[in-house]
Protein backbone atom coordinates (compact mmCIF):
# COMPACT_ATOMS: atom_id res chain seq x y z
CA MET A 1 21.03 -27.10 73.72
CA SER A 2 20.85 -23.45 74.36
CA TYR A 3 17.89 -21.48 73.15
CA LYS A 4 18.62 -18.04 71.66
CA LYS A 5 16.03 -15.31 72.06
CA PRO A 6 14.77 -14.04 68.63
CA ASN A 7 15.41 -10.46 67.56
CA ASN A 8 12.01 -8.74 67.74
CA ARG A 9 13.13 -5.60 65.89
CA PHE A 10 14.13 -7.08 62.56
CA ALA A 11 10.75 -8.29 61.26
CA PRO A 12 8.82 -5.04 61.94
CA ALA A 13 11.59 -3.01 60.27
CA VAL A 14 11.38 -5.18 57.12
CA ILE A 15 7.58 -4.96 57.05
CA ALA A 16 7.71 -1.16 57.49
CA GLY A 17 10.29 -0.83 54.71
CA VAL A 18 8.26 -2.91 52.27
CA THR A 19 5.09 -1.00 53.15
CA ILE A 20 6.75 2.38 52.62
CA GLY A 21 8.16 1.13 49.32
CA PHE A 22 4.71 0.13 48.08
CA LEU A 23 3.21 3.43 49.17
CA VAL A 24 5.92 5.45 47.41
CA ALA A 25 5.57 3.39 44.22
CA GLY A 26 1.79 3.82 44.27
CA TYR A 27 2.08 7.56 44.80
CA GLN A 28 4.48 7.90 41.87
CA LEU A 29 2.20 5.79 39.70
CA VAL A 30 -0.87 7.88 40.47
CA PHE A 31 0.50 11.41 40.88
CA GLY A 32 4.06 11.43 39.58
CA SER A 33 3.54 10.31 35.99
CA LYS A 34 0.94 12.88 34.84
CA LYS A 35 3.44 15.62 34.00
CA PRO A 36 5.76 13.48 31.85
CA LYS A 37 2.77 12.12 29.89
CA ALA A 38 1.73 15.64 28.95
CA GLU A 39 5.28 16.44 27.86
CA GLN A 40 5.48 13.22 25.87
CA LYS A 41 2.13 13.95 24.24
CA ALA A 42 3.31 17.41 23.20
CA LYS A 43 6.55 15.92 21.88
CA HIS A 44 4.68 13.27 19.89
CA HIS A 45 2.28 15.90 18.57
CA HIS A 46 5.24 17.97 17.37
CA GLN A 47 6.80 14.90 15.74
CA ASP A 48 3.49 14.00 14.08
CA ARG A 49 3.16 17.53 12.68
CA ALA A 50 6.73 17.38 11.36
CA LYS A 51 6.06 14.02 9.68
CA GLN A 52 2.83 15.35 8.21
CA LYS A 53 4.61 18.39 6.76
CA GLU A 54 7.34 16.17 5.36
CA GLN A 55 4.75 13.90 3.72
CA GLU A 56 2.92 16.89 2.25
CA GLN A 57 6.18 18.25 0.82
CA GLN A 58 7.03 14.87 -0.66
CA LEU A 59 3.55 14.56 -2.18
CA GLU A 60 3.80 18.06 -3.67
CA LYS A 61 7.22 17.21 -5.11
CA GLU A 62 5.82 14.03 -6.68
CA ARG A 63 2.93 16.01 -8.18
CA GLU A 64 5.33 18.58 -9.61
CA ASP A 65 7.51 15.83 -11.08
CA LYS A 66 4.44 14.22 -12.64
CA ARG A 67 3.33 17.56 -14.13
CA GLN A 68 6.79 18.12 -15.54
CA GLN A 69 6.86 14.64 -17.09
CA GLU A 70 3.44 15.20 -18.65
CA GLN A 71 4.60 18.53 -20.10
CA GLU A 72 7.72 16.90 -21.51
CA GLN A 73 5.60 14.11 -23.01
CA GLN A 74 3.23 16.65 -24.61
CA HIS A 75 6.20 18.60 -25.95
CA LYS A 76 7.67 15.42 -27.48
CA GLU A 77 4.30 14.52 -29.03
CA LYS A 78 3.94 18.01 -30.53
CA LYS A 79 7.48 17.87 -31.87
CA GLN A 80 6.85 14.42 -33.37
CA ALA A 81 3.57 15.61 -34.93
CA ALA A 82 5.33 18.64 -36.43
CA GLU A 83 8.05 16.41 -37.88
CA ASP A 84 5.43 14.02 -39.30
CA ASP A 85 3.65 16.95 -40.99
CA GLN A 86 6.87 18.16 -42.60
CA GLN A 87 7.84 14.78 -44.05
CA PRO A 88 6.64 14.18 -47.64
CA LYS A 89 4.22 11.32 -48.12
């Protein structure tokens, strides 16, 4: 049986590639993601403010509707009382 000499360049190249890959991934994790987080935070803050304004507008609309219903109810009660006063007993 013939013995083939192993390739001594393949293993170090694989190890170097994996090492460089880990270093690049670590660098991106530590230094590369700070800027997008700040942008995302600003975006979320803007969305939160928009939701808050929308909720405030909806609450104000509900309050106005409630006031209007109460005024209509008072008007109906006054009208009914006036009609009751005019009817002979």
